Amino acid sequence: MAQINFLYPRSSEVKYKIHTFPDGHEHLEICSELNHREPLTVTTRIATTDDLFILLQLKDICDRHSIRIEHVYITYLMCARMDRLMSFNEAVDLKIIFDALVTAFPRTSFVIFEPHNTSS
């Protein structure tokens, strides 16, 4: 199983570059030859919307290559502090992020390590 590591780029089997355009837009470029026969495992953190957007860009690239992303390991998930409804006038931010991930990655298993939670 091939592995892409957004936490430690040098240890990533799949080599990539992240370009930042003058307007702040981040754009992922895969630099390695992709093996279409083996699924991909991703290690990342989602601390900002840019991190989430890079992961969604990877999904788009993999879809075009017919490569399945089997596992996504997330070391930090943004919005984890807003995991419950405080009032009907506030969003449940974690639900929004998780719904986006589940919708974009329907057959992918997620492992989320939350360093602030002693039960993980």
N, C-alpha and C. Protein backbone atom coordinates (compact mmCIF):
# COMPACT_ATOMS: atom_id res chain seq x y z
N MET A 1 0.85 -1.17 0.00
CA MET A 1 0.00 0.00 0.00
C MET A 1 0.90 1.24 0.00
N ALA A 2 0.68 2.12 -0.95
CA ALA A 2 1.44 3.37 -1.03
C ALA A 2 0.99 4.31 0.08
N GLN A 3 1.90 5.20 0.47
CA GLN A 3 1.61 6.09 1.58
C GLN A 3 2.02 7.51 1.22
N ILE A 4 1.13 8.46 1.51
CA ILE A 4 1.46 9.87 1.37
C ILE A 4 1.36 10.51 2.75
N ASN A 5 2.40 11.23 3.12
CA ASN A 5 2.48 11.79 4.46
C ASN A 5 2.57 13.31 4.35
N PHE A 6 1.49 13.98 4.73
CA PHE A 6 1.48 15.44 4.70
C PHE A 6 2.11 16.04 5.95
N LEU A 7 2.37 15.21 6.98
CA LEU A 7 3.02 15.69 8.20
C LEU A 7 4.53 15.79 8.01
N TYR A 8 5.11 14.75 7.42
CA TYR A 8 6.55 14.66 7.21
C TYR A 8 6.82 14.36 5.74
N PRO A 9 6.89 15.39 4.91
CA PRO A 9 7.03 15.19 3.46
C PRO A 9 8.22 14.32 3.08
N ARG A 10 9.31 14.40 3.80
CA ARG A 10 10.49 13.60 3.44
C ARG A 10 10.29 12.11 3.65
N SER A 11 9.39 11.73 4.54
CA SER A 11 9.15 10.31 4.77
C SER A 11 7.98 9.78 3.93
N SER A 12 7.42 10.62 3.09
CA SER A 12 6.30 10.22 2.24
C SER A 12 6.80 9.39 1.07
N GLU A 13 6.19 8.23 0.84
CA GLU A 13 6.53 7.42 -0.34
C GLU A 13 6.11 8.13 -1.62
N VAL A 14 4.95 8.73 -1.59
CA VAL A 14 4.45 9.49 -2.74
C VAL A 14 4.97 10.92 -2.58
N LYS A 15 5.80 11.34 -3.49
CA LYS A 15 6.37 12.68 -3.43
C LYS A 15 5.39 13.70 -4.01
N TYR A 16 5.38 14.88 -3.43
CA TYR A 16 4.42 15.91 -3.83
C TYR A 16 5.00 17.28 -3.55
N LYS A 17 4.36 18.28 -4.13
CA LYS A 17 4.66 19.68 -3.85
C LYS A 17 3.35 20.39 -3.57
N ILE A 18 3.41 21.35 -2.70
CA ILE A 18 2.25 22.21 -2.45
C ILE A 18 2.66 23.63 -2.84
N HIS A 19 2.01 24.14 -3.86
CA HIS A 19 2.29 25.48 -4.36
C HIS A 19 1.32 26.46 -3.71
N THR A 20 1.80 27.63 -3.38
CA THR A 20 0.93 28.68 -2.86
C THR A 20 0.94 29.83 -3.85
N PHE A 21 -0.21 30.09 -4.43
CA PHE A 21 -0.35 31.17 -5.39
C PHE A 21 -0.37 32.51 -4.66
N PRO A 22 -0.13 33.62 -5.38
CA PRO A 22 -0.07 34.94 -4.73
C PRO A 22 -1.32 35.31 -3.93
N ASP A 23 -2.47 34.76 -4.32
CA ASP A 23 -3.69 35.08 -3.57
C ASP A 23 -3.89 34.19 -2.34
N GLY A 24 -2.92 33.30 -2.07
CA GLY A 24 -2.99 32.43 -0.90
C GLY A 24 -3.55 31.05 -1.19
N HIS A 25 -4.05 30.83 -2.39
CA HIS A 25 -4.61 29.54 -2.79
C HIS A 25 -3.51 28.48 -2.80
N GLU A 26 -3.74 27.36 -2.12
CA GLU A 26 -2.77 26.26 -2.10
C GLU A 26 -3.20 25.21 -3.11
N HIS A 27 -2.20 24.65 -3.80
CA HIS A 27 -2.47 23.71 -4.88
C HIS A 27 -1.49 22.53 -4.78
N LEU A 28 -2.04 21.32 -4.79
CA LEU A 28 -1.26 20.09 -4.66
C LEU A 28 -0.82 19.58 -6.02
N GLU A 29 0.46 19.20 -6.12
CA GLU A 29 1.00 18.55 -7.31
C GLU A 29 1.68 17.25 -6.88
N ILE A 30 1.24 16.13 -7.44
CA ILE A 30 1.88 14.84 -7.18
C ILE A 30 3.07 14.70 -8.12
N CYS A 31 4.23 14.42 -7.55
CA CYS A 31 5.47 14.35 -8.34
C CYS A 31 5.91 12.91 -8.59
N SER A 32 5.35 11.94 -7.89
CA SER A 32 5.72 10.53 -8.05
C SER A 32 4.82 9.86 -9.09
N GLU A 33 5.34 8.80 -9.66
CA GLU A 33 4.51 7.94 -10.50
C GLU A 33 3.58 7.17 -9.56
N LEU A 34 2.31 7.14 -9.87
CA LEU A 34 1.34 6.47 -9.00
C LEU A 34 1.08 5.05 -9.49
N ASN A 35 1.03 4.13 -8.55
CA ASN A 35 0.72 2.74 -8.86
C ASN A 35 -0.79 2.58 -8.82
N HIS A 36 -1.38 2.30 -9.96
CA HIS A 36 -2.84 2.22 -10.05
C HIS A 36 -3.42 0.95 -9.44
N ARG A 37 -2.57 0.01 -9.10
CA ARG A 37 -3.05 -1.27 -8.55
C ARG A 37 -3.09 -1.31 -7.03
N GLU A 38 -2.47 -0.34 -6.38
CA GLU A 38 -2.46 -0.41 -4.92
C GLU A 38 -3.14 0.81 -4.32
N PRO A 39 -3.90 0.57 -3.25
CA PRO A 39 -4.59 1.68 -2.59
C PRO A 39 -3.59 2.59 -1.88
N LEU A 40 -4.09 3.72 -1.45
CA LEU A 40 -3.26 4.75 -0.84
C LEU A 40 -3.66 4.95 0.61
N THR A 41 -2.67 5.17 1.45
CA THR A 41 -2.89 5.55 2.84
C THR A 41 -2.37 6.97 3.01
N VAL A 42 -3.15 7.79 3.71
CA VAL A 42 -2.80 9.20 3.89
C VAL A 42 -2.62 9.48 5.37
N THR A 43 -1.54 10.19 5.71
CA THR A 43 -1.33 10.69 7.06
C THR A 43 -1.32 12.21 6.97
N THR A 44 -2.17 12.84 7.76
CA THR A 44 -2.31 14.29 7.66
C THR A 44 -2.79 14.87 8.98
N ARG A 45 -2.83 16.15 9.02
CA ARG A 45 -3.54 16.87 10.07
C ARG A 45 -4.43 17.86 9.36
N ILE A 46 -5.57 18.10 9.93
CA ILE A 46 -6.49 19.07 9.33
C ILE A 46 -6.68 20.17 10.38
N ALA A 47 -5.76 21.12 10.33
CA ALA A 47 -5.78 22.22 11.29
C ALA A 47 -6.40 23.47 10.70
N THR A 48 -6.45 23.53 9.36
CA THR A 48 -6.99 24.71 8.68
C THR A 48 -7.82 24.25 7.48
N THR A 49 -8.56 25.17 6.92
CA THR A 49 -9.31 24.83 5.71
C THR A 49 -8.36 24.54 4.55
N ASP A 50 -7.16 25.12 4.55
CA ASP A 50 -6.17 24.79 3.52
C ASP A 50 -5.80 23.31 3.58
N ASP A 51 -5.61 22.77 4.79
CA ASP A 51 -5.29 21.35 4.95
C ASP A 51 -6.42 20.48 4.40
N LEU A 52 -7.64 20.86 4.70
CA LEU A 52 -8.80 20.12 4.20
C LEU A 52 -8.86 20.19 2.68
N PHE A 53 -8.59 21.36 2.12
CA PHE A 53 -8.64 21.55 0.67
C PHE A 53 -7.56 20.72 -0.03
N ILE A 54 -6.37 20.63 0.55
CA ILE A 54 -5.29 19.80 -0.01
C ILE A 54 -5.72 18.34 -0.02
N LEU A 55 -6.35 17.87 1.05
CA LEU A 55 -6.83 16.49 1.10
C LEU A 55 -7.89 16.24 0.04
N LEU A 56 -8.79 17.20 -0.17
CA LEU A 56 -9.81 17.06 -1.21
C LEU A 56 -9.19 17.10 -2.61
N GLN A 57 -8.12 17.87 -2.79
CA GLN A 57 -7.41 17.86 -4.06
C GLN A 57 -6.77 16.50 -4.32
N LEU A 58 -6.20 15.90 -3.27
CA LEU A 58 -5.64 14.55 -3.41
C LEU A 58 -6.71 13.57 -3.83
N LYS A 59 -7.89 13.67 -3.24
CA LYS A 59 -9.00 12.79 -3.60
C LYS A 59 -9.36 12.95 -5.08
N ASP A 60 -9.38 14.18 -5.57
CA ASP A 60 -9.69 14.42 -6.97
C ASP A 60 -8.64 13.78 -7.88
N ILE A 61 -7.37 13.92 -7.52
CA ILE A 61 -6.29 13.30 -8.31
C ILE A 61 -6.43 11.79 -8.31
N CYS A 62 -6.66 11.22 -7.14
CA CYS A 62 -6.80 9.76 -7.02
C CYS A 62 -8.01 9.25 -7.80
N ASP A 63 -9.10 9.98 -7.77
CA ASP A 63 -10.29 9.58 -8.53
C ASP A 63 -9.99 9.52 -10.03
N ARG A 64 -9.26 10.51 -10.54
CA ARG A 64 -8.93 10.50 -11.96
C ARG A 64 -8.00 9.36 -12.34
N HIS A 65 -7.18 8.92 -11.39
CA HIS A 65 -6.27 7.79 -11.63
C HIS A 65 -6.88 6.45 -11.23
N SER A 66 -8.11 6.46 -10.75
CA SER A 66 -8.79 5.26 -10.25
C SER A 66 -8.00 4.58 -9.13
N ILE A 67 -7.46 5.40 -8.24
CA ILE A 67 -6.73 4.91 -7.07
C ILE A 67 -7.61 5.12 -5.84
N ARG A 68 -7.79 4.07 -5.08
CA ARG A 68 -8.63 4.15 -3.88
C ARG A 68 -7.81 4.62 -2.69
N ILE A 69 -8.33 5.57 -1.95
CA ILE A 69 -7.72 5.98 -0.68
C ILE A 69 -8.37 5.11 0.39
N GLU A 70 -7.60 4.17 0.91
CA GLU A 70 -8.15 3.18 1.84
C GLU A 70 -8.22 3.70 3.27
N HIS A 71 -7.17 4.37 3.73
CA HIS A 71 -7.11 4.86 5.12
C HIS A 71 -6.64 6.30 5.13
N VAL A 72 -7.23 7.08 6.01
CA VAL A 72 -6.76 8.44 6.29
C VAL A 72 -6.53 8.53 7.79
N TYR A 73 -5.28 8.77 8.17
CA TYR A 73 -4.91 8.95 9.56
C TYR A 73 -4.78 10.45 9.81
N ILE A 74 -5.58 10.97 10.73
CA ILE A 74 -5.61 12.40 11.01
C ILE A 74 -5.10 12.61 12.43
N THR A 75 -3.97 13.32 12.56
CA THR A 75 -3.39 13.53 13.89
C THR A 75 -4.03 14.69 14.64
N TYR A 76 -4.65 15.59 13.92
CA TYR A 76 -5.39 16.68 14.55
C TYR A 76 -6.51 17.08 13.61
N LEU A 77 -7.70 17.17 14.13
CA LEU A 77 -8.86 17.52 13.33
C LEU A 77 -9.42 18.84 13.80
N MET A 78 -9.39 19.82 12.90
CA MET A 78 -9.92 21.15 13.27
C MET A 78 -11.37 21.04 13.70
N CYS A 79 -11.79 21.95 14.51
CA CYS A 79 -13.17 22.05 14.99
C CYS A 79 -13.52 21.01 16.04
N ALA A 80 -12.56 20.25 16.50
CA ALA A 80 -12.86 19.23 17.50
C ALA A 80 -13.38 19.84 18.80
N ARG A 81 -13.07 21.08 19.03
CA ARG A 81 -13.57 21.74 20.25
C ARG A 81 -15.05 22.10 20.15
N MET A 82 -15.56 22.19 18.93
CA MET A 82 -16.99 22.49 18.73
C MET A 82 -17.70 21.23 18.28
N ASP A 83 -17.76 20.27 19.19
CA ASP A 83 -18.32 18.96 18.86
C ASP A 83 -19.74 18.77 19.38
N ARG A 84 -20.34 19.82 19.87
CA ARG A 84 -21.71 19.71 20.37
C ARG A 84 -22.46 21.00 20.10
N LEU A 85 -23.74 20.91 20.19
CA LEU A 85 -24.60 22.08 19.95
C LEU A 85 -24.63 22.93 21.21
N MET A 86 -24.14 24.15 21.08
CA MET A 86 -24.15 25.08 22.22
C MET A 86 -25.48 25.82 22.27
N SER A 87 -25.96 26.22 21.09
CA SER A 87 -27.26 26.84 20.96
C SER A 87 -27.71 26.66 19.53
N PHE A 88 -28.97 26.87 19.27
CA PHE A 88 -29.48 26.71 17.91
C PHE A 88 -28.97 27.82 16.99
N ASN A 89 -28.30 28.81 17.54
CA ASN A 89 -27.76 29.91 16.74
C ASN A 89 -26.28 29.73 16.43
N GLU A 90 -25.72 28.55 16.76
CA GLU A 90 -24.32 28.24 16.47
C GLU A 90 -24.25 26.92 15.73
N ALA A 91 -23.25 26.81 14.86
CA ALA A 91 -23.06 25.57 14.10
C ALA A 91 -22.30 24.54 14.94
N VAL A 92 -22.51 23.28 14.61
CA VAL A 92 -21.70 22.21 15.18
C VAL A 92 -20.56 22.00 14.17
N ASP A 93 -19.47 22.72 14.37
CA ASP A 93 -18.39 22.77 13.40
C ASP A 93 -17.81 21.40 13.09
N LEU A 94 -17.62 20.57 14.09
CA LEU A 94 -17.03 19.25 13.87
C LEU A 94 -17.92 18.41 12.96
N LYS A 95 -19.21 18.50 13.13
CA LYS A 95 -20.14 17.77 12.26
C LYS A 95 -20.00 18.21 10.81
N ILE A 96 -19.83 19.50 10.59
CA ILE A 96 -19.66 20.03 9.23
C ILE A 96 -18.42 19.43 8.58
N ILE A 97 -17.30 19.44 9.30
CA ILE A 97 -16.04 18.90 8.77
C ILE A 97 -16.17 17.40 8.53
N PHE A 98 -16.71 16.69 9.50
CA PHE A 98 -16.82 15.24 9.35
C PHE A 98 -17.78 14.86 8.23
N ASP A 99 -18.89 15.56 8.10
CA ASP A 99 -19.82 15.30 6.98
C ASP A 99 -19.14 15.52 5.64
N ALA A 100 -18.31 16.56 5.54
CA ALA A 100 -17.58 16.82 4.29
C ALA A 100 -16.62 15.67 3.98
N LEU A 101 -15.93 15.16 4.99
CA LEU A 101 -15.00 14.05 4.79
C LEU A 101 -15.72 12.77 4.38
N VAL A 102 -16.79 12.45 5.08
CA VAL A 102 -17.53 11.22 4.79
C VAL A 102 -18.17 11.28 3.40
N THR A 103 -18.64 12.45 3.01
CA THR A 103 -19.24 12.61 1.68
C THR A 103 -18.18 12.47 0.59
N ALA A 104 -17.02 13.07 0.80
CA ALA A 104 -15.97 13.03 -0.21
C ALA A 104 -15.26 11.68 -0.27
N PHE A 105 -15.20 10.97 0.85
CA PHE A 105 -14.47 9.70 0.95
C PHE A 105 -15.42 8.59 1.45
N PRO A 106 -16.36 8.17 0.64
CA PRO A 106 -17.39 7.25 1.13
C PRO A 106 -16.89 5.86 1.53
N ARG A 107 -15.81 5.37 0.94
CA ARG A 107 -15.34 4.01 1.26
C ARG A 107 -13.98 4.03 1.95
N THR A 108 -13.69 5.10 2.65
CA THR A 108 -12.40 5.27 3.30
C THR A 108 -12.58 5.17 4.80
N SER A 109 -11.62 4.50 5.46
CA SER A 109 -11.67 4.45 6.92
C SER A 109 -10.82 5.59 7.47
N PHE A 110 -11.35 6.23 8.49
CA PHE A 110 -10.68 7.35 9.13
C PHE A 110 -10.25 6.94 10.53
N VAL A 111 -9.01 7.28 10.88
CA VAL A 111 -8.52 7.12 12.23
C VAL A 111 -8.11 8.52 12.68
N ILE A 112 -8.76 9.00 13.73
CA ILE A 112 -8.49 10.35 14.20
C ILE A 112 -7.85 10.26 15.58
N PHE A 113 -6.64 10.78 15.67
CA PHE A 113 -5.95 10.86 16.95
C PHE A 113 -6.12 12.27 17.48
N GLU A 114 -6.79 12.40 18.58
CA GLU A 114 -7.03 13.70 19.18
C GLU A 114 -6.20 13.81 20.45
N PRO A 115 -5.12 14.58 20.41
CA PRO A 115 -4.22 14.63 21.57
C PRO A 115 -4.85 15.23 22.83
N HIS A 116 -5.96 15.94 22.69
CA HIS A 116 -6.60 16.52 23.86
C HIS A 116 -7.61 15.59 24.52
N ASN A 117 -7.80 14.42 23.92
CA ASN A 117 -8.79 13.47 24.43
C ASN A 117 -8.06 12.25 24.98
N THR A 118 -8.22 11.95 26.26
CA THR A 118 -7.50 10.83 26.85
C THR A 118 -8.11 9.48 26.48
N SER A 119 -9.29 9.46 25.88
CA SER A 119 -9.91 8.17 25.52
C SER A 119 -9.52 7.71 24.13
N SER A 120 -8.77 8.52 23.33
CA SER A 120 -8.43 8.08 21.97
C SER A 120 -7.22 7.19 21.96
